[in-house]
Amino acid sequence: MKRLLLLVITVLMFLPVEAKKPKKGSFNANANYEVQVLGVGQDGTKVFRIWTTAANVNDAIAEAKRNAIAVCLFRGLPGSGFTNQTPAICKSGDDVKHQAFFDEFLKLPKKDGTGGAYLRFVNRTTDEPPSGQFRIKVKKGYKVAIDVQVRYNDLRKYMEEQGIAKSLDSGF
């Protein structure tokens, strides 16, 4: 009996376990991107460089804009020599709790130009396809960096209006 139990446990240990992959174009708060803060812009904006990997350069640029908003919402911005660390606008788990909202809000643009509402908070970017050190050919496409300015205070206010984030003066 003990041998049978040991055999069953051993077999179960080696069965493949597959995590559910997000749909292409859907938002995933655990997306893989890198952030380098460049400074604080004027009027409540944040300026940073974001690296994103995608199959082609144009897809990487589109995903980088979305990921720039996502980093402000879910991870916060790291500190740098020029700025202090900026906390995330949303609490941990809000991406799951309000998944339907974020799936629509962070929807990538389609060919007809329609996309998620997140684009109105991306104030300025280096949209031209980057070259040299800001575009690297990798195994599954391109790793691209763009500089982006996000209207951080307006984004926070919008999330408060939608009932997702608490206002800063609401207490603890």
Foldseek 3Di string as FASTA:
>chain_A
DVVVVVVVVVVVVPDDDDDDDDDVQFDDLPADKDKDWDEADPDQKTKIKMKADDAEQLVRLQVRLLVVLSCQAEPWAPADPHGHTGHHQFDPPLCVVPVVLRRQQSGGADPVGDGHVSVVQWDDKPNDRDDDPQWDQDDRHIIGMMMTMGNNVVSSVVCVVVVGGPDPPPDD
